[in-house]
Amino acid sequence: NFKAESWKGVGAKSCDTWHIKNADGIKLGDAASKYITHIRAVAENEMPVYTLLALIPCAKLWPWIGKQIGSGTEDFGVYTTWVEESLDPESLDYLEYEDHVEWAYQAGVVTADKALEIFTASIQNEVEFFNSVARCQPTKSRSNSANQRNEL
């Protein structure tokens, strides 16, 4: 299958870019796996426009996060390139997705009920994905160190 082979090339290039020798050791967490399963199910079982709809929450949220953390204006060390590519606050890609979905809705291809069901599931998956990450809580000694630095 040509498409599968071309995606393998994209995967190989990504591994090379990120200096990943063996991607077999990289495992998705449960929340990320559930989200991918949702997107895949929509792509395999619904009209293609619903896949665009399912991706809108991600396409809107990640640029917003980028703006909140200063993507494009801050140094994130080894993660700077990833942050700038993945969390570009100037990205308006979601508008194109929304335009396609709106056109399909006006044409009667998309129903409001199914659109709401898919969109809501995508939003919920975003929430579960972000909540799946353990939060770092500063230790008392770290908090004291931060306060001491602020006093200088």
N, C-alpha and C. Protein backbone atom coordinates (compact mmCIF):
# COMPACT_ATOMS: atom_id res chain seq x y z
N ASN A 1 0.85 -1.18 0.00
CA ASN A 1 0.00 0.00 0.00
C ASN A 1 0.90 1.25 0.00
N PHE A 2 0.71 2.08 -1.00
CA PHE A 2 1.54 3.28 -1.17
C PHE A 2 1.44 4.21 0.03
N LYS A 3 0.22 4.45 0.52
CA LYS A 3 0.05 5.38 1.64
C LYS A 3 0.76 4.87 2.89
N ALA A 4 0.63 3.58 3.18
CA ALA A 4 1.30 3.02 4.35
C ALA A 4 2.81 3.16 4.22
N GLU A 5 3.33 2.91 3.02
CA GLU A 5 4.77 3.03 2.81
C GLU A 5 5.23 4.48 2.96
N SER A 6 4.44 5.43 2.47
CA SER A 6 4.84 6.83 2.59
C SER A 6 4.81 7.28 4.05
N TRP A 7 3.86 6.78 4.84
CA TRP A 7 3.83 7.12 6.26
C TRP A 7 5.00 6.51 7.00
N LYS A 8 5.44 5.32 6.56
CA LYS A 8 6.64 4.72 7.17
C LYS A 8 7.84 5.64 6.97
N GLY A 9 7.92 6.26 5.79
CA GLY A 9 9.00 7.20 5.51
C GLY A 9 8.94 8.41 6.42
N VAL A 10 7.74 8.90 6.67
CA VAL A 10 7.56 10.03 7.58
C VAL A 10 8.01 9.63 8.98
N GLY A 11 7.62 8.44 9.40
CA GLY A 11 8.03 7.95 10.72
C GLY A 11 9.53 7.81 10.84
N ALA A 12 10.16 7.27 9.80
CA ALA A 12 11.62 7.11 9.81
C ALA A 12 12.31 8.47 9.87
N LYS A 13 11.80 9.44 9.12
CA LYS A 13 12.39 10.78 9.14
C LYS A 13 12.23 11.42 10.51
N SER A 14 11.08 11.23 11.13
CA SER A 14 10.85 11.78 12.47
C SER A 14 11.83 11.17 13.47
N CYS A 15 12.01 9.87 13.39
CA CYS A 15 12.97 9.21 14.30
C CYS A 15 14.36 9.77 14.09
N ASP A 16 14.74 9.99 12.84
CA ASP A 16 16.05 10.54 12.54
C ASP A 16 16.17 11.96 13.09
N THR A 17 15.15 12.78 12.87
CA THR A 17 15.16 14.16 13.35
C THR A 17 15.31 14.23 14.86
N TRP A 18 14.62 13.34 15.57
CA TRP A 18 14.63 13.37 17.03
C TRP A 18 15.66 12.41 17.63
N HIS A 19 16.53 11.87 16.79
CA HIS A 19 17.62 11.00 17.25
C HIS A 19 17.10 9.80 18.04
N ILE A 20 16.03 9.20 17.51
CA ILE A 20 15.46 8.02 18.14
C ILE A 20 15.97 6.79 17.39
N LYS A 21 16.75 5.98 18.08
CA LYS A 21 17.35 4.81 17.46
C LYS A 21 16.34 3.66 17.37
N ASN A 22 15.52 3.48 18.41
CA ASN A 22 14.58 2.38 18.45
C ASN A 22 13.25 2.85 19.02
N ALA A 23 12.30 3.09 18.15
CA ALA A 23 11.00 3.61 18.57
C ALA A 23 10.16 2.56 19.29
N ASP A 24 10.58 1.31 19.27
CA ASP A 24 9.82 0.26 19.95
C ASP A 24 9.70 0.51 21.45
N GLY A 25 10.65 1.25 22.01
CA GLY A 25 10.63 1.53 23.43
C GLY A 25 9.69 2.66 23.82
N ILE A 26 9.11 3.33 22.85
CA ILE A 26 8.19 4.45 23.12
C ILE A 26 6.78 3.90 23.17
N LYS A 27 6.13 4.06 24.29
CA LYS A 27 4.78 3.54 24.48
C LYS A 27 3.83 4.69 24.82
N LEU A 28 2.67 4.66 24.21
CA LEU A 28 1.66 5.66 24.52
C LEU A 28 0.97 5.32 25.83
N GLY A 29 0.61 6.35 26.55
CA GLY A 29 -0.19 6.14 27.75
C GLY A 29 -1.63 5.80 27.38
N ASP A 30 -2.40 5.40 28.37
CA ASP A 30 -3.79 5.00 28.12
C ASP A 30 -4.63 6.13 27.52
N ALA A 31 -4.47 7.34 28.03
CA ALA A 31 -5.28 8.47 27.54
C ALA A 31 -4.95 8.80 26.09
N ALA A 32 -3.67 8.80 25.74
CA ALA A 32 -3.27 9.07 24.35
C ALA A 32 -3.76 7.96 23.43
N SER A 33 -3.65 6.72 23.89
CA SER A 33 -4.14 5.59 23.09
C SER A 33 -5.64 5.69 22.85
N LYS A 34 -6.37 6.06 23.90
CA LYS A 34 -7.82 6.20 23.78
C LYS A 34 -8.17 7.30 22.77
N TYR A 35 -7.44 8.41 22.83
CA TYR A 35 -7.69 9.52 21.91
C TYR A 35 -7.42 9.08 20.47
N ILE A 36 -6.31 8.41 20.25
CA ILE A 36 -5.98 7.94 18.90
C ILE A 36 -7.02 6.94 18.41
N THR A 37 -7.49 6.08 19.30
CA THR A 37 -8.54 5.12 18.93
C THR A 37 -9.80 5.86 18.50
N HIS A 38 -10.13 6.93 19.21
CA HIS A 38 -11.31 7.74 18.86
C HIS A 38 -11.16 8.35 17.45
N ILE A 39 -10.01 8.98 17.21
CA ILE A 39 -9.79 9.61 15.90
C ILE A 39 -9.81 8.56 14.80
N ARG A 40 -9.18 7.44 15.06
CA ARG A 40 -9.15 6.36 14.05
C ARG A 40 -10.54 5.83 13.78
N ALA A 41 -11.34 5.63 14.82
CA ALA A 41 -12.71 5.13 14.64
C ALA A 41 -13.54 6.10 13.80
N VAL A 42 -13.38 7.39 14.06
CA VAL A 42 -14.10 8.39 13.26
C VAL A 42 -13.63 8.30 11.81
N ALA A 43 -12.32 8.24 11.61
CA ALA A 43 -11.77 8.19 10.24
C ALA A 43 -12.22 6.94 9.49
N GLU A 44 -12.34 5.83 10.18
CA GLU A 44 -12.69 4.57 9.52
C GLU A 44 -14.19 4.36 9.35
N ASN A 45 -15.00 5.01 10.19
CA ASN A 45 -16.43 4.70 10.20
C ASN A 45 -17.36 5.84 9.80
N GLU A 46 -16.82 7.02 9.64
CA GLU A 46 -17.67 8.18 9.34
C GLU A 46 -17.23 8.84 8.04
N MET A 47 -18.02 9.75 7.57
CA MET A 47 -17.64 10.55 6.41
C MET A 47 -16.35 11.31 6.74
N PRO A 48 -15.46 11.51 5.76
CA PRO A 48 -14.17 12.16 6.05
C PRO A 48 -14.28 13.51 6.76
N VAL A 49 -15.32 14.26 6.49
CA VAL A 49 -15.44 15.58 7.12
C VAL A 49 -15.54 15.46 8.64
N TYR A 50 -16.06 14.34 9.13
CA TYR A 50 -16.13 14.16 10.58
C TYR A 50 -14.74 13.98 11.20
N THR A 51 -13.78 13.48 10.42
CA THR A 51 -12.41 13.39 10.92
C THR A 51 -11.86 14.80 11.13
N LEU A 52 -12.11 15.69 10.18
CA LEU A 52 -11.70 17.09 10.37
C LEU A 52 -12.33 17.67 11.63
N LEU A 53 -13.60 17.40 11.81
CA LEU A 53 -14.31 17.88 12.99
C LEU A 53 -13.67 17.34 14.26
N ALA A 54 -13.31 16.05 14.25
CA ALA A 54 -12.71 15.43 15.43
C ALA A 54 -11.35 16.04 15.77
N LEU A 55 -10.67 16.61 14.78
CA LEU A 55 -9.35 17.19 14.99
C LEU A 55 -9.39 18.67 15.42
N ILE A 56 -10.53 19.31 15.31
CA ILE A 56 -10.62 20.74 15.61
C ILE A 56 -10.21 21.07 17.05
N PRO A 57 -10.66 20.32 18.07
CA PRO A 57 -10.22 20.69 19.42
C PRO A 57 -8.70 20.74 19.57
N CYS A 58 -8.02 19.77 19.02
CA CYS A 58 -6.55 19.74 19.08
C CYS A 58 -5.97 20.91 18.29
N ALA A 59 -6.50 21.15 17.10
CA ALA A 59 -5.98 22.22 16.24
C ALA A 59 -6.19 23.61 16.85
N LYS A 60 -7.19 23.75 17.72
CA LYS A 60 -7.42 25.04 18.39
C LYS A 60 -6.65 25.13 19.71
N LEU A 61 -6.59 24.03 20.44
CA LEU A 61 -5.99 24.04 21.77
C LEU A 61 -4.48 24.23 21.75
N TRP A 62 -3.79 23.51 20.89
CA TRP A 62 -2.33 23.54 20.92
C TRP A 62 -1.75 24.92 20.60
N PRO A 63 -2.28 25.66 19.62
CA PRO A 63 -1.78 27.03 19.43
C PRO A 63 -2.08 27.93 20.63
N TRP A 64 -3.22 27.72 21.27
CA TRP A 64 -3.56 28.50 22.46
C TRP A 64 -2.55 28.23 23.57
N ILE A 65 -2.21 26.96 23.76
CA ILE A 65 -1.19 26.60 24.76
C ILE A 65 0.13 27.27 24.40
N GLY A 66 0.48 27.23 23.11
CA GLY A 66 1.71 27.87 22.66
C GLY A 66 1.76 29.34 23.05
N LYS A 67 0.64 30.03 22.88
CA LYS A 67 0.59 31.45 23.24
C LYS A 67 0.78 31.62 24.74
N GLN A 68 0.16 30.74 25.53
CA GLN A 68 0.24 30.85 26.99
C GLN A 68 1.67 30.66 27.50
N ILE A 69 2.44 29.77 26.83
CA ILE A 69 3.79 29.49 27.33
C ILE A 69 4.88 30.29 26.61
N GLY A 70 4.48 31.09 25.62
CA GLY A 70 5.46 31.94 24.94
C GLY A 70 6.18 31.28 23.79
N SER A 71 5.52 30.35 23.12
CA SER A 71 6.12 29.71 21.94
C SER A 71 6.50 30.79 20.92
N GLY A 72 7.71 30.68 20.41
CA GLY A 72 8.20 31.65 19.44
C GLY A 72 8.92 32.84 20.08
N THR A 73 8.79 32.96 21.40
CA THR A 73 9.45 34.08 22.10
C THR A 73 10.35 33.61 23.23
N GLU A 74 10.23 32.36 23.62
CA GLU A 74 11.00 31.82 24.75
C GLU A 74 11.92 30.71 24.28
N ASP A 75 12.95 30.44 25.06
CA ASP A 75 13.87 29.34 24.79
C ASP A 75 13.44 28.15 25.65
N PHE A 76 13.16 27.04 25.00
CA PHE A 76 12.75 25.83 25.69
C PHE A 76 13.84 24.76 25.62
N GLY A 77 15.07 25.21 25.47
CA GLY A 77 16.20 24.29 25.42
C GLY A 77 16.07 23.31 24.27
N VAL A 78 16.29 22.04 24.57
CA VAL A 78 16.23 21.02 23.51
C VAL A 78 14.82 20.87 22.94
N TYR A 79 13.83 21.40 23.61
CA TYR A 79 12.45 21.28 23.15
C TYR A 79 11.98 22.47 22.32
N THR A 80 12.83 23.47 22.12
CA THR A 80 12.42 24.69 21.43
C THR A 80 11.84 24.40 20.05
N THR A 81 12.52 23.61 19.26
CA THR A 81 12.02 23.30 17.91
C THR A 81 10.67 22.63 17.98
N TRP A 82 10.54 21.64 18.87
CA TRP A 82 9.26 20.94 18.99
C TRP A 82 8.15 21.89 19.42
N VAL A 83 8.43 22.73 20.42
CA VAL A 83 7.42 23.68 20.90
C VAL A 83 7.00 24.62 19.77
N GLU A 84 7.97 25.16 19.05
CA GLU A 84 7.64 26.12 17.99
C GLU A 84 6.88 25.46 16.84
N GLU A 85 7.18 24.19 16.53
CA GLU A 85 6.47 23.50 15.45
C GLU A 85 5.10 23.01 15.89
N SER A 86 5.01 22.54 17.12
CA SER A 86 3.77 21.90 17.58
C SER A 86 2.80 22.85 18.26
N LEU A 87 3.32 23.93 18.81
CA LEU A 87 2.50 24.86 19.59
C LEU A 87 2.59 26.27 19.02
N ASP A 88 2.51 26.38 17.71
CA ASP A 88 2.64 27.68 17.04
C ASP A 88 1.40 28.54 17.32
N PRO A 89 1.55 29.61 18.11
CA PRO A 89 0.38 30.42 18.45
C PRO A 89 -0.23 31.14 17.26
N GLU A 90 0.49 31.20 16.15
CA GLU A 90 -0.03 31.86 14.96
C GLU A 90 -0.84 30.91 14.06
N SER A 91 -0.84 29.63 14.40
CA SER A 91 -1.53 28.64 13.57
C SER A 91 -3.04 28.89 13.56
N LEU A 92 -3.58 28.97 12.37
CA LEU A 92 -5.03 29.12 12.19
C LEU A 92 -5.59 27.96 11.38
N ASP A 93 -4.88 26.82 11.39
CA ASP A 93 -5.30 25.66 10.62
C ASP A 93 -6.74 25.24 10.94
N TYR A 94 -7.12 25.39 12.21
CA TYR A 94 -8.46 24.98 12.62
C TYR A 94 -9.55 25.72 11.83
N LEU A 95 -9.27 26.93 11.36
CA LEU A 95 -10.27 27.69 10.60
C LEU A 95 -10.62 26.98 9.29
N GLU A 96 -9.60 26.40 8.66
CA GLU A 96 -9.86 25.65 7.43
C GLU A 96 -10.70 24.41 7.74
N TYR A 97 -10.40 23.73 8.84
CA TYR A 97 -11.20 22.57 9.24
C TYR A 97 -12.65 23.00 9.47
N GLU A 98 -12.81 24.11 10.21
CA GLU A 98 -14.16 24.59 10.52
C GLU A 98 -14.91 24.97 9.25
N ASP A 99 -14.22 25.58 8.27
CA ASP A 99 -14.86 25.95 7.01
C ASP A 99 -15.39 24.71 6.28
N HIS A 100 -14.59 23.65 6.25
CA HIS A 100 -15.03 22.41 5.59
C HIS A 100 -16.23 21.80 6.30
N VAL A 101 -16.18 21.80 7.62
CA VAL A 101 -17.29 21.24 8.40
C VAL A 101 -18.55 22.07 8.19
N GLU A 102 -18.43 23.38 8.21
CA GLU A 102 -19.59 24.26 8.00
C GLU A 102 -20.19 24.04 6.61
N TRP A 103 -19.33 23.94 5.60
CA TRP A 103 -19.82 23.69 4.24
C TRP A 103 -20.59 22.37 4.21
N ALA A 104 -20.02 21.34 4.84
CA ALA A 104 -20.67 20.02 4.84
C ALA A 104 -21.99 20.06 5.62
N TYR A 105 -22.03 20.85 6.67
CA TYR A 105 -23.27 20.99 7.44
C TYR A 105 -24.34 21.67 6.58
N GLN A 106 -23.97 22.76 5.90
CA GLN A 106 -24.91 23.47 5.03
C GLN A 106 -25.40 22.58 3.89
N ALA A 107 -24.53 21.67 3.44
CA ALA A 107 -24.88 20.75 2.34
C ALA A 107 -25.67 19.54 2.84
N GLY A 108 -25.87 19.42 4.16
CA GLY A 108 -26.62 18.32 4.71
C GLY A 108 -25.81 17.04 4.91
N VAL A 109 -24.50 17.12 4.78
CA VAL A 109 -23.64 15.95 4.95
C VAL A 109 -23.37 15.71 6.43
N VAL A 110 -23.24 16.78 7.19
CA VAL A 110 -22.96 16.70 8.62
C VAL A 110 -24.26 16.99 9.37
N THR A 111 -24.54 16.17 10.37
CA THR A 111 -25.69 16.45 11.22
C THR A 111 -25.20 17.05 12.53
N ALA A 112 -26.00 17.91 13.10
CA ALA A 112 -25.62 18.58 14.34
C ALA A 112 -25.40 17.58 15.47
N ASP A 113 -26.28 16.58 15.57
CA ASP A 113 -26.17 15.60 16.65
C ASP A 113 -24.87 14.81 16.57
N LYS A 114 -24.55 14.29 15.40
CA LYS A 114 -23.33 13.51 15.24
C LYS A 114 -22.10 14.40 15.43
N ALA A 115 -22.17 15.63 14.90
CA ALA A 115 -21.05 16.56 15.06
C ALA A 115 -20.80 16.84 16.54
N LEU A 116 -21.85 17.09 17.30
CA LEU A 116 -21.70 17.36 18.72
C LEU A 116 -21.14 16.14 19.46
N GLU A 117 -21.61 14.96 19.10
CA GLU A 117 -21.13 13.73 19.74
C GLU A 117 -19.61 13.55 19.50
N ILE A 118 -19.18 13.73 18.26
CA ILE A 118 -17.76 13.54 17.91
C ILE A 118 -16.90 14.65 18.51
N PHE A 119 -17.35 15.88 18.40
CA PHE A 119 -16.59 17.02 18.94
C PHE A 119 -16.44 16.88 20.45
N THR A 120 -17.52 16.54 21.13
CA THR A 120 -17.49 16.38 22.58
C THR A 120 -16.52 15.27 22.99
N ALA A 121 -16.53 14.16 22.25
CA ALA A 121 -15.60 13.07 22.55
C ALA A 121 -14.15 13.53 22.36
N SER A 122 -13.90 14.33 21.34
CA SER A 122 -12.55 14.85 21.13
C SER A 122 -12.12 15.78 22.26
N ILE A 123 -13.00 16.66 22.66
CA ILE A 123 -12.70 17.57 23.77
C ILE A 123 -12.42 16.75 25.04
N GLN A 124 -13.26 15.77 25.31
CA GLN A 124 -13.07 14.94 26.50
C GLN A 124 -11.74 14.21 26.44
N ASN A 125 -11.36 13.74 25.26
CA ASN A 125 -10.07 13.07 25.11
C ASN A 125 -8.91 14.03 25.35
N GLU A 126 -9.04 15.29 24.92
CA GLU A 126 -8.00 16.29 25.21
C GLU A 126 -7.86 16.47 26.73
N VAL A 127 -8.99 16.59 27.41
CA VAL A 127 -8.97 16.76 28.86
C VAL A 127 -8.30 15.56 29.52
N GLU A 128 -8.70 14.36 29.12
CA GLU A 128 -8.12 13.15 29.72
C GLU A 128 -6.63 13.04 29.42
N PHE A 129 -6.23 13.43 28.21
CA PHE A 129 -4.81 13.39 27.86
C PHE A 129 -4.00 14.32 28.76
N PHE A 130 -4.45 15.56 28.90
CA PHE A 130 -3.70 16.51 29.73
C PHE A 130 -3.76 16.13 31.21
N ASN A 131 -4.86 15.57 31.65
CA ASN A 131 -4.96 15.15 33.04
C ASN A 131 -4.20 13.86 33.33
N SER A 132 -3.74 13.16 32.29
CA SER A 132 -3.02 11.90 32.49
C SER A 132 -1.57 12.13 32.89
N VAL A 133 -1.10 13.34 32.77
CA VAL A 133 0.29 13.65 33.10
C VAL A 133 0.38 13.98 34.58
N ALA A 134 1.33 13.34 35.24
CA ALA A 134 1.54 13.61 36.67
C ALA A 134 2.01 15.05 36.83
N ARG A 135 1.42 15.75 37.75
CA ARG A 135 1.79 17.14 38.00
C ARG A 135 3.00 17.18 38.92
N CYS A 136 3.90 18.06 38.62
CA CYS A 136 5.07 18.26 39.49
C CYS A 136 4.66 19.19 40.62
N GLN A 137 4.86 18.76 41.82
CA GLN A 137 4.59 19.60 42.97
C GLN A 137 5.93 19.98 43.57
N PRO A 138 6.22 21.28 43.67
CA PRO A 138 7.50 21.66 44.25
C PRO A 138 7.61 21.18 45.69
N THR A 139 8.77 20.70 46.04
CA THR A 139 9.01 20.30 47.42
C THR A 139 9.19 21.55 48.26
N LYS A 140 9.10 21.38 49.55
CA LYS A 140 9.24 22.53 50.44
C LYS A 140 10.60 23.20 50.24
N SER A 141 11.66 22.39 50.09
CA SER A 141 12.98 22.97 49.91
C SER A 141 13.06 23.74 48.59
N ARG A 142 12.40 23.25 47.55
CA ARG A 142 12.38 23.98 46.28
C ARG A 142 11.63 25.29 46.42
N SER A 143 10.50 25.24 47.10
CA SER A 143 9.72 26.46 47.31
C SER A 143 10.54 27.49 48.06
N ASN A 144 11.25 27.04 49.09
CA ASN A 144 12.09 27.96 49.86
C ASN A 144 13.19 28.54 49.00
N SER A 145 13.80 27.71 48.14
CA SER A 145 14.85 28.19 47.24
C SER A 145 14.30 29.24 46.29
N ALA A 146 13.10 29.01 45.77
CA ALA A 146 12.49 29.96 44.85
C ALA A 146 12.22 31.28 45.56
N ASN A 147 11.73 31.19 46.80
CA ASN A 147 11.46 32.41 47.56
C ASN A 147 12.75 33.17 47.85
N GLN A 148 13.81 32.42 48.16
CA GLN A 148 15.09 33.07 48.43
C GLN A 148 15.60 33.77 47.17
N ARG A 149 15.46 33.14 46.00
CA ARG A 149 15.89 33.78 44.76
C ARG A 149 15.10 35.04 44.50
N ASN A 150 13.80 34.98 44.77
CA ASN A 150 12.95 36.16 44.54
C ASN A 150 13.34 37.32 45.45
N GLU A 151 13.87 36.99 46.62
CA GLU A 151 14.25 38.03 47.56
C GLU A 151 15.54 38.72 47.14
N LEU A 152 16.35 38.06 46.32
CA LEU A 152 17.62 38.65 45.89
C LEU A 152 17.33 39.73 44.95
